[in-house]
């Protein structure tokens, strides 16, 4: 089963926020975040999908999520690119080892 690691962005009254997560269903998960039923830290904001990666299994997705949550420069670059390109989304497939 494919899993996705994703970066969401929100730029509202409360300031700019970035959220990193993983899921097996990208559309459902984004809807949950925007409905206030996603992660606790995403409630009360409107979120846009900025970036997503597809991974072949849950373990690889969770490992990549852990890494991206600690890679602040990458998240900042994604958000800055989103501001310039208006609703930019980039989805990548993992490269074979």
C-alpha atoms as a PDB file:
ATOM      1  CA  UNK A   1       0.000   0.000   0.000  1.00  0.00           C
ATOM      2  CA  UNK A   2       1.406   3.411  -0.951  1.00  0.00           C
ATOM      3  CA  UNK A   3       1.853   6.004   1.758  1.00  0.00           C
ATOM      4  CA  UNK A   4       2.363   9.733   1.369  1.00  0.00           C
ATOM      5  CA  UNK A   5       4.482  12.137   3.369  1.00  0.00           C
ATOM      6  CA  UNK A   6       3.168  15.655   2.945  1.00  0.00           C
ATOM      7  CA  UNK A   7       3.780  19.273   3.855  1.00  0.00           C
ATOM      8  CA  UNK A   8       0.818  21.578   4.432  1.00  0.00           C
ATOM      9  CA  UNK A   9       0.980  25.347   4.615  1.00  0.00           C
ATOM     10  CA  UNK A  10      -1.346  27.902   6.158  1.00  0.00           C
ATOM     11  CA  UNK A  11      -0.953  31.656   6.005  1.00  0.00           C
ATOM     12  CA  UNK A  12      -3.691  33.253   8.082  1.00  0.00           C
ATOM     13  CA  UNK A  13      -4.360  35.723  10.879  1.00  0.00           C
ATOM     14  CA  UNK A  14      -2.305  33.663  13.291  1.00  0.00           C
ATOM     15  CA  UNK A  15       0.737  33.848  11.025  1.00  0.00           C
ATOM     16  CA  UNK A  16       2.435  31.387   8.768  1.00  0.00           C
ATOM     17  CA  UNK A  17       2.434  27.694   9.732  1.00  0.00           C
ATOM     18  CA  UNK A  18       3.826  24.536   8.202  1.00  0.00           C
ATOM     19  CA  UNK A  19       2.708  21.008   9.097  1.00  0.00           C
ATOM     20  CA  UNK A  20       4.345  17.691   8.126  1.00  0.00           C
ATOM     21  CA  UNK A  21       2.471  14.381   8.260  1.00  0.00           C
ATOM     22  CA  UNK A  22       1.907  11.045   6.536  1.00  0.00           C
ATOM     23  CA  UNK A  23      -1.189   9.239   5.259  1.00  0.00           C
ATOM     24  CA  UNK A  24      -2.458   6.546   2.917  1.00  0.00           C
ATOM     25  CA  UNK A  25      -5.174   8.828   1.453  1.00  0.00           C
ATOM     26  CA  UNK A  26      -4.043  12.362   0.646  1.00  0.00           C
ATOM     27  CA  UNK A  27      -7.477  13.794  -0.279  1.00  0.00           C
ATOM     28  CA  UNK A  28      -9.177  12.434   2.835  1.00  0.00           C
ATOM     29  CA  UNK A  29      -6.389  13.643   5.111  1.00  0.00           C
ATOM     30  CA  UNK A  30      -6.371  17.191   3.713  1.00  0.00           C
ATOM     31  CA  UNK A  31     -10.163  17.319   4.136  1.00  0.00           C
ATOM     32  CA  UNK A  32      -9.755  16.189   7.763  1.00  0.00           C
ATOM     33  CA  UNK A  33      -7.194  18.900   8.481  1.00  0.00           C
ATOM     34  CA  UNK A  34      -9.416  21.594   6.956  1.00  0.00           C
ATOM     35  CA  UNK A  35     -12.518  20.311   8.790  1.00  0.00           C
ATOM     36  CA  UNK A  36     -10.730  20.501  12.141  1.00  0.00           C
ATOM     37  CA  UNK A  37     -10.694  16.726  12.627  1.00  0.00           C
ATOM     38  CA  UNK A  38      -7.034  16.208  11.691  1.00  0.00           C
ATOM     39  CA  UNK A  39      -4.080  16.678  14.000  1.00  0.00           C
ATOM     40  CA  UNK A  40      -4.598  18.881  17.049  1.00  0.00           C
ATOM     41  CA  UNK A  41      -2.030  21.423  15.841  1.00  0.00           C
ATOM     42  CA  UNK A  42      -3.880  21.986  12.536  1.00  0.00           C
ATOM     43  CA  UNK A  43      -7.280  22.930  13.970  1.00  0.00           C
ATOM     44  CA  UNK A  44      -8.746  26.343  13.201  1.00  0.00           C
ATOM     45  CA  UNK A  45      -6.815  27.005   9.981  1.00  0.00           C
ATOM     46  CA  UNK A  46      -7.262  26.448   6.269  1.00  0.00           C
ATOM     47  CA  UNK A  47      -4.456  24.319   4.870  1.00  0.00           C
ATOM     48  CA  UNK A  48      -3.039  23.911   1.378  1.00  0.00           C
ATOM     49  CA  UNK A  49      -0.991  20.964   0.183  1.00  0.00           C
ATOM     50  CA  UNK A  50       2.477  22.267  -0.648  1.00  0.00           C
ATOM     51  CA  UNK A  51       4.462  19.087  -1.212  1.00  0.00           C
ATOM     52  CA  UNK A  52       4.002  15.303  -1.115  1.00  0.00           C
ATOM     53  CA  UNK A  53       6.155  12.221  -1.587  1.00  0.00           C
ATOM     54  CA  UNK A  54       4.915   8.703  -2.300  1.00  0.00           C
ATOM     55  CA  UNK A  55       6.552   5.818  -0.400  1.00  0.00           C
ATOM     56  CA  UNK A  56       5.958   2.073  -0.842  1.00  0.00           C
ATOM     57  CA  UNK A  57       5.190   1.357   2.823  1.00  0.00           C
ATOM     58  CA  UNK A  58       4.321   2.874   6.175  1.00  0.00           C
ATOM     59  CA  UNK A  59       7.800   2.426   7.676  1.00  0.00           C
ATOM     60  CA  UNK A  60       9.530   4.404   4.936  1.00  0.00           C
ATOM     61  CA  UNK A  61       6.864   7.112   5.065  1.00  0.00           C
ATOM     62  CA  UNK A  62       7.164   7.463   8.843  1.00  0.00           C
ATOM     63  CA  UNK A  63      10.954   7.599   8.622  1.00  0.00           C
ATOM     64  CA  UNK A  64      10.809  10.342   5.989  1.00  0.00           C
ATOM     65  CA  UNK A  65       8.201  12.263   8.016  1.00  0.00           C
ATOM     66  CA  UNK A  66      10.547  12.167  11.021  1.00  0.00           C
ATOM     67  CA  UNK A  67      13.370  13.550   8.876  1.00  0.00           C
ATOM     68  CA  UNK A  68      11.276  16.330   7.279  1.00  0.00           C
ATOM     69  CA  UNK A  69       9.994  17.468  10.670  1.00  0.00           C
ATOM     70  CA  UNK A  70      13.618  18.180  11.574  1.00  0.00           C
ATOM     71  CA  UNK A  71      14.648  19.712   8.218  1.00  0.00           C
ATOM     72  CA  UNK A  72      13.528  23.296   8.794  1.00  0.00           C
ATOM     73  CA  UNK A  73      15.420  24.773   5.788  1.00  0.00           C
ATOM     74  CA  UNK A  74      13.649  22.376   3.389  1.00  0.00           C
ATOM     75  CA  UNK A  75      10.204  23.151   4.838  1.00  0.00           C
ATOM     76  CA  UNK A  76      10.932  26.876   4.618  1.00  0.00           C
ATOM     77  CA  UNK A  77      12.049  26.520   0.982  1.00  0.00           C
ATOM     78  CA  UNK A  78       8.825  24.664   0.127  1.00  0.00           C
ATOM     79  CA  UNK A  79       6.702  27.371   1.773  1.00  0.00           C
ATOM     80  CA  UNK A  80       8.609  30.202   0.071  1.00  0.00           C
ATOM     81  CA  UNK A  81       8.207  28.497  -3.311  1.00  0.00           C
ATOM     82  CA  UNK A  82       4.477  28.082  -2.627  1.00  0.00           C
ATOM     83  CA  UNK A  83       4.124  31.828  -1.995  1.00  0.00           C
ATOM     84  CA  UNK A  84       5.798  32.619  -5.324  1.00  0.00           C
ATOM     85  CA  UNK A  85       3.980  30.011  -7.434  1.00  0.00           C
ATOM     86  CA  UNK A  86       0.453  30.136  -5.903  1.00  0.00           C
ATOM     87  CA  UNK A  87      -0.854  26.689  -4.988  1.00  0.00           C
ATOM     88  CA  UNK A  88       2.241  24.797  -6.099  1.00  0.00           C
ATOM     89  CA  UNK A  89       2.267  21.087  -5.303  1.00  0.00           C
ATOM     90  CA  UNK A  90       5.108  18.730  -6.082  1.00  0.00           C
ATOM     91  CA  UNK A  91       4.629  14.989  -5.635  1.00  0.00           C
ATOM     92  CA  UNK A  92       7.672  12.754  -5.932  1.00  0.00           C
ATOM     93  CA  UNK A  93       8.109   9.015  -6.298  1.00  0.00           C
ATOM     94  CA  UNK A  94      10.919   7.362  -4.316  1.00  0.00           C
ATOM     95  CA  UNK A  95      14.008   6.541  -6.329  1.00  0.00           C
ATOM     96  CA  UNK A  96      15.092   2.869  -6.386  1.00  0.00           C
ATOM     97  CA  UNK A  97      18.104   2.144  -4.179  1.00  0.00           C
END
